[in-house]
Amino acid sequence: MTTVRLSRVESLFEELTYPVARDHAAERFSDVTLRFSDGDGNLGEYVAECPSETFDSPEDLYADLNNVLPVEAVGEPGQSEGDG
């Protein structure tokens, strides 16, 4: 099993050949643990939840991934964009 930080996940996405089907990408990353600021989760499961059926680039996959990650995945715990 591989562990990767959210900030480095795009480097894994660059290993795929594009366009790539969501199901293929999810299977490819099924053994990867994604570590984020306040926890972790299975990268393959997150990719499987992405709304797009295919991805044309690593950037497309990353953008979709960010839409399905839990709130704990980004930023510092307890922080909000409105604080300042």
N, C-alpha and C. Protein backbone atom coordinates (compact mmCIF):
# COMPACT_ATOMS: atom_id res chain seq x y z
N MET A 1 0.85 -1.19 0.00
CA MET A 1 0.00 0.00 0.00
C MET A 1 0.89 1.24 0.00
N THR A 2 0.53 2.20 -0.80
CA THR A 2 1.25 3.46 -0.94
C THR A 2 0.48 4.55 -0.22
N THR A 3 1.21 5.50 0.38
CA THR A 3 0.59 6.66 0.99
C THR A 3 1.12 7.90 0.30
N VAL A 4 0.22 8.83 -0.04
CA VAL A 4 0.63 10.07 -0.69
C VAL A 4 -0.14 11.22 -0.05
N ARG A 5 0.54 12.34 0.10
CA ARG A 5 -0.11 13.54 0.61
C ARG A 5 -0.93 14.19 -0.51
N LEU A 6 -2.00 14.84 -0.12
CA LEU A 6 -2.86 15.51 -1.09
C LEU A 6 -2.06 16.47 -1.96
N SER A 7 -1.08 17.16 -1.38
CA SER A 7 -0.29 18.13 -2.13
C SER A 7 0.58 17.48 -3.21
N ARG A 8 0.75 16.16 -3.16
CA ARG A 8 1.58 15.45 -4.13
C ARG A 8 0.80 14.47 -5.02
N VAL A 9 -0.51 14.46 -4.89
CA VAL A 9 -1.31 13.48 -5.60
C VAL A 9 -1.27 13.67 -7.12
N GLU A 10 -1.08 14.90 -7.58
CA GLU A 10 -1.03 15.12 -9.03
C GLU A 10 0.11 14.38 -9.69
N SER A 11 1.21 14.17 -8.97
CA SER A 11 2.33 13.42 -9.55
C SER A 11 1.92 11.98 -9.86
N LEU A 12 1.04 11.40 -9.05
CA LEU A 12 0.51 10.07 -9.35
C LEU A 12 -0.39 10.11 -10.57
N PHE A 13 -1.20 11.15 -10.67
CA PHE A 13 -2.12 11.27 -11.79
C PHE A 13 -1.36 11.38 -13.11
N GLU A 14 -0.16 11.92 -13.09
CA GLU A 14 0.64 12.07 -14.31
C GLU A 14 1.13 10.73 -14.84
N GLU A 15 1.04 9.66 -14.04
CA GLU A 15 1.49 8.34 -14.47
C GLU A 15 0.47 7.66 -15.38
N LEU A 16 -0.77 8.16 -15.40
CA LEU A 16 -1.81 7.58 -16.24
C LEU A 16 -1.71 8.06 -17.68
N THR A 17 -2.28 7.30 -18.59
CA THR A 17 -2.38 7.71 -19.99
C THR A 17 -3.77 8.30 -20.20
N TYR A 18 -3.83 9.50 -20.76
CA TYR A 18 -5.10 10.22 -20.93
C TYR A 18 -5.51 10.23 -22.38
N PRO A 19 -6.84 10.25 -22.63
CA PRO A 19 -7.92 10.25 -21.65
C PRO A 19 -7.99 8.91 -20.92
N VAL A 20 -8.52 8.97 -19.70
CA VAL A 20 -8.65 7.77 -18.88
C VAL A 20 -10.05 7.71 -18.29
N ALA A 21 -10.61 6.51 -18.23
CA ALA A 21 -11.93 6.31 -17.65
C ALA A 21 -11.84 6.39 -16.13
N ARG A 22 -12.87 6.93 -15.52
CA ARG A 22 -12.93 7.03 -14.05
C ARG A 22 -12.72 5.67 -13.41
N ASP A 23 -13.38 4.62 -13.92
CA ASP A 23 -13.27 3.29 -13.33
C ASP A 23 -11.84 2.78 -13.38
N HIS A 24 -11.15 3.03 -14.49
CA HIS A 24 -9.76 2.59 -14.61
C HIS A 24 -8.88 3.34 -13.61
N ALA A 25 -9.07 4.64 -13.50
CA ALA A 25 -8.27 5.44 -12.55
C ALA A 25 -8.55 5.00 -11.12
N ALA A 26 -9.81 4.74 -10.81
CA ALA A 26 -10.17 4.31 -9.45
C ALA A 26 -9.50 2.98 -9.12
N GLU A 27 -9.51 2.06 -10.08
CA GLU A 27 -8.87 0.76 -9.86
C GLU A 27 -7.35 0.92 -9.69
N ARG A 28 -6.76 1.78 -10.51
CA ARG A 28 -5.32 2.00 -10.45
C ARG A 28 -4.88 2.53 -9.08
N PHE A 29 -5.72 3.34 -8.43
CA PHE A 29 -5.36 3.96 -7.16
C PHE A 29 -6.06 3.31 -5.95
N SER A 30 -6.58 2.11 -6.14
CA SER A 30 -7.32 1.44 -5.07
C SER A 30 -6.44 1.06 -3.88
N ASP A 31 -5.13 0.99 -4.08
CA ASP A 31 -4.22 0.63 -2.98
C ASP A 31 -3.43 1.84 -2.47
N VAL A 32 -3.92 3.05 -2.77
CA VAL A 32 -3.23 4.27 -2.36
C VAL A 32 -4.02 4.96 -1.24
N THR A 33 -3.34 5.25 -0.15
CA THR A 33 -3.93 6.02 0.94
C THR A 33 -3.60 7.48 0.71
N LEU A 34 -4.62 8.31 0.68
CA LEU A 34 -4.45 9.75 0.50
C LEU A 34 -4.45 10.39 1.88
N ARG A 35 -3.36 11.06 2.22
CA ARG A 35 -3.22 11.71 3.52
C ARG A 35 -3.47 13.20 3.34
N PHE A 36 -4.37 13.74 4.18
CA PHE A 36 -4.62 15.17 4.13
C PHE A 36 -4.49 15.78 5.51
N SER A 37 -4.78 17.06 5.65
CA SER A 37 -4.44 17.80 6.87
C SER A 37 -5.02 17.21 8.14
N ASP A 38 -6.18 16.58 8.06
CA ASP A 38 -6.80 16.06 9.28
C ASP A 38 -7.39 14.67 9.03
N GLY A 39 -6.55 13.75 8.53
CA GLY A 39 -7.01 12.39 8.32
C GLY A 39 -6.48 11.80 7.04
N ASP A 40 -7.11 10.72 6.61
CA ASP A 40 -6.72 10.09 5.36
C ASP A 40 -7.89 9.28 4.82
N GLY A 41 -7.73 8.79 3.60
CA GLY A 41 -8.77 7.99 2.97
C GLY A 41 -8.20 7.26 1.77
N ASN A 42 -9.01 6.41 1.17
CA ASN A 42 -8.58 5.63 0.02
C ASN A 42 -8.75 6.44 -1.26
N LEU A 43 -7.65 6.67 -1.97
CA LEU A 43 -7.69 7.49 -3.17
C LEU A 43 -8.58 6.87 -4.24
N GLY A 44 -8.53 5.56 -4.40
CA GLY A 44 -9.38 4.90 -5.39
C GLY A 44 -10.85 5.12 -5.13
N GLU A 45 -11.24 5.07 -3.86
CA GLU A 45 -12.64 5.30 -3.52
C GLU A 45 -13.06 6.73 -3.82
N TYR A 46 -12.18 7.70 -3.55
CA TYR A 46 -12.50 9.10 -3.87
C TYR A 46 -12.62 9.29 -5.38
N VAL A 47 -11.70 8.69 -6.14
CA VAL A 47 -11.76 8.82 -7.60
C VAL A 47 -13.06 8.20 -8.12
N ALA A 48 -13.48 7.08 -7.55
CA ALA A 48 -14.72 6.43 -7.97
C ALA A 48 -15.94 7.32 -7.75
N GLU A 49 -15.86 8.24 -6.80
CA GLU A 49 -16.97 9.15 -6.51
C GLU A 49 -16.98 10.38 -7.40
N CYS A 50 -15.94 10.60 -8.19
CA CYS A 50 -15.86 11.78 -9.06
C CYS A 50 -17.02 11.77 -10.05
N PRO A 51 -17.57 12.96 -10.35
CA PRO A 51 -18.72 13.02 -11.25
C PRO A 51 -18.40 12.73 -12.72
N SER A 52 -17.19 13.02 -13.17
CA SER A 52 -16.85 12.79 -14.59
C SER A 52 -16.60 11.31 -14.85
N GLU A 53 -17.02 10.84 -16.02
CA GLU A 53 -16.78 9.45 -16.40
C GLU A 53 -15.41 9.25 -17.02
N THR A 54 -14.85 10.31 -17.61
CA THR A 54 -13.50 10.26 -18.16
C THR A 54 -12.78 11.55 -17.82
N PHE A 55 -11.45 11.46 -17.85
CA PHE A 55 -10.61 12.63 -17.57
C PHE A 55 -9.64 12.80 -18.74
N ASP A 56 -9.49 14.05 -19.19
CA ASP A 56 -8.63 14.34 -20.32
C ASP A 56 -7.20 14.68 -19.92
N SER A 57 -7.00 14.94 -18.62
CA SER A 57 -5.66 15.34 -18.16
C SER A 57 -5.56 15.12 -16.65
N PRO A 58 -4.33 15.13 -16.11
CA PRO A 58 -4.18 15.05 -14.66
C PRO A 58 -4.88 16.19 -13.95
N GLU A 59 -4.91 17.36 -14.58
CA GLU A 59 -5.56 18.52 -13.98
C GLU A 59 -7.07 18.31 -13.86
N ASP A 60 -7.67 17.69 -14.88
CA ASP A 60 -9.11 17.40 -14.83
C ASP A 60 -9.42 16.44 -13.69
N LEU A 61 -8.61 15.42 -13.54
CA LEU A 61 -8.82 14.44 -12.47
C LEU A 61 -8.66 15.10 -11.11
N TYR A 62 -7.65 15.94 -10.96
CA TYR A 62 -7.41 16.63 -9.69
C TYR A 62 -8.57 17.56 -9.34
N ALA A 63 -9.07 18.29 -10.34
CA ALA A 63 -10.19 19.20 -10.10
C ALA A 63 -11.42 18.43 -9.63
N ASP A 64 -11.73 17.31 -10.28
CA ASP A 64 -12.87 16.49 -9.88
C ASP A 64 -12.66 15.92 -8.48
N LEU A 65 -11.44 15.48 -8.20
CA LEU A 65 -11.14 14.92 -6.89
C LEU A 65 -11.44 15.92 -5.79
N ASN A 66 -11.07 17.17 -6.00
CA ASN A 66 -11.30 18.20 -4.99
C ASN A 66 -12.77 18.42 -4.69
N ASN A 67 -13.64 18.06 -5.63
CA ASN A 67 -15.08 18.21 -5.42
C ASN A 67 -15.68 17.10 -4.56
N VAL A 68 -14.96 16.00 -4.37
CA VAL A 68 -15.51 14.88 -3.60
C VAL A 68 -14.79 14.64 -2.28
N LEU A 69 -13.71 15.36 -2.03
CA LEU A 69 -12.97 15.17 -0.78
C LEU A 69 -13.75 15.70 0.41
N PRO A 70 -13.57 15.08 1.57
CA PRO A 70 -14.24 15.59 2.77
C PRO A 70 -13.65 16.93 3.19
N VAL A 71 -14.38 17.69 3.98
CA VAL A 71 -13.95 19.02 4.40
C VAL A 71 -12.60 18.97 5.14
N GLU A 72 -12.30 17.86 5.80
CA GLU A 72 -11.04 17.73 6.54
C GLU A 72 -9.83 17.68 5.62
N ALA A 73 -10.06 17.47 4.33
CA ALA A 73 -8.96 17.25 3.40
C ALA A 73 -8.15 18.50 3.08
N VAL A 74 -8.75 19.66 3.20
CA VAL A 74 -8.05 20.87 2.80
C VAL A 74 -8.00 21.87 3.94
N GLY A 75 -6.93 22.62 3.99
CA GLY A 75 -6.78 23.65 5.01
C GLY A 75 -6.41 23.10 6.37
N GLU A 76 -6.26 23.99 7.31
CA GLU A 76 -5.96 23.60 8.68
C GLU A 76 -7.25 23.27 9.40
N PRO A 77 -7.22 22.30 10.29
CA PRO A 77 -8.43 21.96 11.03
C PRO A 77 -9.00 23.17 11.76
N GLY A 78 -10.30 23.39 11.63
CA GLY A 78 -10.95 24.48 12.31
C GLY A 78 -10.86 25.83 11.62
N GLN A 79 -10.13 25.90 10.53
CA GLN A 79 -9.97 27.17 9.82
C GLN A 79 -11.09 27.34 8.82
N SER A 80 -11.45 28.58 8.55
CA SER A 80 -12.40 28.83 7.49
C SER A 80 -11.89 29.97 6.63
N GLU A 81 -12.35 30.01 5.40
CA GLU A 81 -11.91 31.05 4.47
C GLU A 81 -12.34 32.44 4.94
N GLY A 82 -13.39 32.53 5.73
CA GLY A 82 -13.90 33.82 6.16
C GLY A 82 -13.15 34.45 7.31
N ASP A 83 -12.30 33.69 7.98
CA ASP A 83 -11.53 34.26 9.10
C ASP A 83 -10.46 35.19 8.56
N GLY A 84 -10.25 36.28 9.26
CA GLY A 84 -9.18 37.08 8.72
C GLY A 84 -8.95 38.32 9.40
